Amino acid sequence: TTPDDQREAHMVLATGDEAPRVHGHAGCNRFFGGFEATGNSISFGRMGATMMACPDGMETEQAFLAALEVADRFTITGQTLALYSGEIRVAYFEAVYLR
């Protein structure tokens, strides 16, 4: 659940000419880092983040970043990306396209 005065937690996985990068908003702070994906395996490198304290949303942020830390596998079904640690689904995301 996103508090009324905050942005929704999200991430962008970017690939291109350089090393794959991840960035987004974890509930209170922006975050960024690297990731590797091969087949359906995925791992996220060390993350950097802004250091704001928010009255609400810190639990979401801690859970969001913890899910990235333990994720080792992913599936994509339609517009949904699911991250897993072993057989346990730790997060899922719905694709949103911005214009």
C-alpha atoms as a PDB file:
ATOM      1  CA  THR A   1       0.000   0.000   0.000  1.00  0.00           C
ATOM      2  CA  THR A   2       1.324   3.414  -0.949  1.00  0.00           C
ATOM      3  CA  PRO A   3       0.744   6.282   1.517  1.00  0.00           C
ATOM      4  CA  ASP A   4      -1.207   9.196  -0.001  1.00  0.00           C
ATOM      5  CA  ASP A   5       1.733  11.606  -0.015  1.00  0.00           C
ATOM      6  CA  GLN A   6       4.337   9.229  -1.534  1.00  0.00           C
ATOM      7  CA  ARG A   7       5.213   7.683  -4.863  1.00  0.00           C
ATOM      8  CA  GLU A   8       4.373   4.077  -5.613  1.00  0.00           C
ATOM      9  CA  ALA A   9       7.278   1.638  -5.224  1.00  0.00           C
ATOM     10  CA  HIS A  10       8.611   0.667  -8.644  1.00  0.00           C
ATOM     11  CA  MET A  11      11.734  -0.278 -10.543  1.00  0.00           C
ATOM     12  CA  VAL A  12      13.132   0.060 -14.043  1.00  0.00           C
ATOM     13  CA  LEU A  13      15.471  -2.583 -15.455  1.00  0.00           C
ATOM     14  CA  ALA A  14      17.593  -0.951 -18.145  1.00  0.00           C
ATOM     15  CA  THR A  15      19.864  -2.725 -20.595  1.00  0.00           C
ATOM     16  CA  GLY A  16      21.755  -1.291 -23.486  1.00  0.00           C
ATOM     17  CA  ASP A  17      25.319  -0.537 -24.493  1.00  0.00           C
ATOM     18  CA  GLU A  18      26.532  -0.465 -20.877  1.00  0.00           C
ATOM     19  CA  ALA A  19      26.144  -2.854 -17.940  1.00  0.00           C
ATOM     20  CA  PRO A  20      22.506  -3.574 -16.979  1.00  0.00           C
ATOM     21  CA  ARG A  21      21.227  -1.103 -14.392  1.00  0.00           C
ATOM     22  CA  VAL A  22      18.244  -1.004 -12.076  1.00  0.00           C
ATOM     23  CA  HIS A  23      16.741   2.136 -10.580  1.00  0.00           C
ATOM     24  CA  GLY A  24      13.465   3.172  -9.082  1.00  0.00           C
ATOM     25  CA  HIS A  25      11.628   4.190  -5.955  1.00  0.00           C
ATOM     26  CA  ALA A  26      11.433   1.817  -2.986  1.00  0.00           C
ATOM     27  CA  GLY A  27       8.631   3.465  -1.004  1.00  0.00           C
ATOM     28  CA  CYS A  28      10.457   6.412   0.536  1.00  0.00           C
ATOM     29  CA  ASN A  29      13.818   6.703  -1.240  1.00  0.00           C
ATOM     30  CA  ARG A  30      15.131   6.393  -4.764  1.00  0.00           C
ATOM     31  CA  PHE A  31      17.531   3.511  -5.347  1.00  0.00           C
ATOM     32  CA  PHE A  32      19.970   2.420  -8.056  1.00  0.00           C
ATOM     33  CA  GLY A  33      22.432  -0.352  -8.790  1.00  0.00           C
ATOM     34  CA  GLY A  34      23.319  -3.120 -11.185  1.00  0.00           C
ATOM     35  CA  PHE A  35      21.819  -6.474 -12.015  1.00  0.00           C
ATOM     36  CA  GLU A  36      22.629  -9.582 -14.018  1.00  0.00           C
ATOM     37  CA  ALA A  37      20.085 -11.775 -15.768  1.00  0.00           C
ATOM     38  CA  THR A  38      20.789 -14.975 -17.682  1.00  0.00           C
ATOM     39  CA  GLY A  39      18.004 -17.290 -18.740  1.00  0.00           C
ATOM     40  CA  ASN A  40      15.549 -17.015 -15.863  1.00  0.00           C
ATOM     41  CA  SER A  41      18.244 -16.339 -13.230  1.00  0.00           C
ATOM     42  CA  ILE A  42      18.662 -12.838 -11.828  1.00  0.00           C
ATOM     43  CA  SER A  43      20.829 -11.174  -9.215  1.00  0.00           C
ATOM     44  CA  PHE A  44      21.021  -7.593  -8.052  1.00  0.00           C
ATOM     45  CA  GLY A  45      24.327  -5.998  -7.078  1.00  0.00           C
ATOM     46  CA  ARG A  46      24.949  -3.580  -4.259  1.00  0.00           C
ATOM     47  CA  MET A  47      22.296  -0.891  -4.180  1.00  0.00           C
ATOM     48  CA  GLY A  48      22.724   2.778  -3.481  1.00  0.00           C
ATOM     49  CA  ALA A  49      19.852   4.913  -2.249  1.00  0.00           C
ATOM     50  CA  THR A  50      18.933   8.351  -1.082  1.00  0.00           C
ATOM     51  CA  MET A  51      18.695   8.613   2.701  1.00  0.00           C
ATOM     52  CA  MET A  52      15.423  10.387   3.479  1.00  0.00           C
ATOM     53  CA  ALA A  53      13.336   9.369   6.464  1.00  0.00           C
ATOM     54  CA  CYS A  54       9.610   9.133   5.808  1.00  0.00           C
ATOM     55  CA  PRO A  55       6.856   8.955   8.420  1.00  0.00           C
ATOM     56  CA  ASP A  56       5.120   6.240   6.356  1.00  0.00           C
ATOM     57  CA  GLY A  57       6.352   3.723   3.822  1.00  0.00           C
ATOM     58  CA  MET A  58       9.588   2.600   5.468  1.00  0.00           C
ATOM     59  CA  GLU A  59       8.234  -0.942   5.977  1.00  0.00           C
ATOM     60  CA  THR A  60       7.438  -1.152   2.264  1.00  0.00           C
ATOM     61  CA  GLU A  61      10.903   0.113   1.392  1.00  0.00           C
ATOM     62  CA  GLN A  62      12.666  -2.384   3.648  1.00  0.00           C
ATOM     63  CA  ALA A  63      10.631  -5.278   2.224  1.00  0.00           C
ATOM     64  CA  PHE A  64      11.161  -4.071  -1.368  1.00  0.00           C
ATOM     65  CA  LEU A  65      14.948  -3.833  -1.041  1.00  0.00           C
ATOM     66  CA  ALA A  66      15.127  -7.127   0.898  1.00  0.00           C
ATOM     67  CA  ALA A  67      13.255  -8.859  -1.949  1.00  0.00           C
ATOM     68  CA  LEU A  68      15.797  -7.578  -4.488  1.00  0.00           C
ATOM     69  CA  GLU A  69      18.632  -8.747  -2.259  1.00  0.00           C
ATOM     70  CA  VAL A  70      17.428 -12.362  -2.107  1.00  0.00           C
ATOM     71  CA  ALA A  71      15.951 -12.703  -5.611  1.00  0.00           C
ATOM     72  CA  ASP A  72      17.664 -15.381  -7.679  1.00  0.00           C
ATOM     73  CA  ARG A  73      15.076 -16.219 -10.338  1.00  0.00           C
ATOM     74  CA  PHE A  74      12.326 -14.513 -12.308  1.00  0.00           C
ATOM     75  CA  THR A  75       9.347 -15.309 -14.490  1.00  0.00           C
ATOM     76  CA  ILE A  76       7.464 -13.096 -16.909  1.00  0.00           C
ATOM     77  CA  THR A  77       3.817 -13.874 -17.592  1.00  0.00           C
ATOM     78  CA  GLY A  78       2.028 -11.372 -19.798  1.00  0.00           C
ATOM     79  CA  GLN A  79       2.681  -7.970 -18.224  1.00  0.00           C
ATOM     80  CA  THR A  80       3.821  -9.366 -14.850  1.00  0.00           C
ATOM     81  CA  LEU A  81       7.385  -9.882 -13.618  1.00  0.00           C
ATOM     82  CA  ALA A  82       7.712 -12.143 -10.568  1.00  0.00           C
ATOM     83  CA  LEU A  83      10.914 -12.425  -8.526  1.00  0.00           C
ATOM     84  CA  TYR A  84      11.685 -15.577  -6.556  1.00  0.00           C
ATOM     85  CA  SER A  85      14.114 -16.705  -3.903  1.00  0.00           C
ATOM     86  CA  GLY A  86      14.234 -20.439  -4.525  1.00  0.00           C
ATOM     87  CA  GLU A  87      10.586 -21.438  -4.863  1.00  0.00           C
ATOM     88  CA  ILE A  88       9.225 -18.521  -2.803  1.00  0.00           C
ATOM     89  CA  ARG A  89       7.823 -15.543  -4.690  1.00  0.00           C
ATOM     90  CA  VAL A  90       9.284 -12.454  -3.004  1.00  0.00           C
ATOM     91  CA  ALA A  91       7.879  -9.734  -5.289  1.00  0.00           C
ATOM     92  CA  TYR A  92       5.860  -9.155  -8.403  1.00  0.00           C
ATOM     93  CA  PHE A  93       5.500  -6.156 -10.662  1.00  0.00           C
ATOM     94  CA  GLU A  94       3.026  -5.146 -13.329  1.00  0.00           C
ATOM     95  CA  ALA A  95       4.459  -3.419 -16.404  1.00  0.00           C
ATOM     96  CA  VAL A  96       3.473   0.218 -16.858  1.00  0.00           C
ATOM     97  CA  TYR A  97       4.295   2.081 -20.035  1.00  0.00           C
ATOM     98  CA  LEU A  98       4.907   5.803 -19.837  1.00  0.00           C
ATOM     99  CA  ARG A  99       4.409   8.145 -22.742  1.00  0.00           C
END
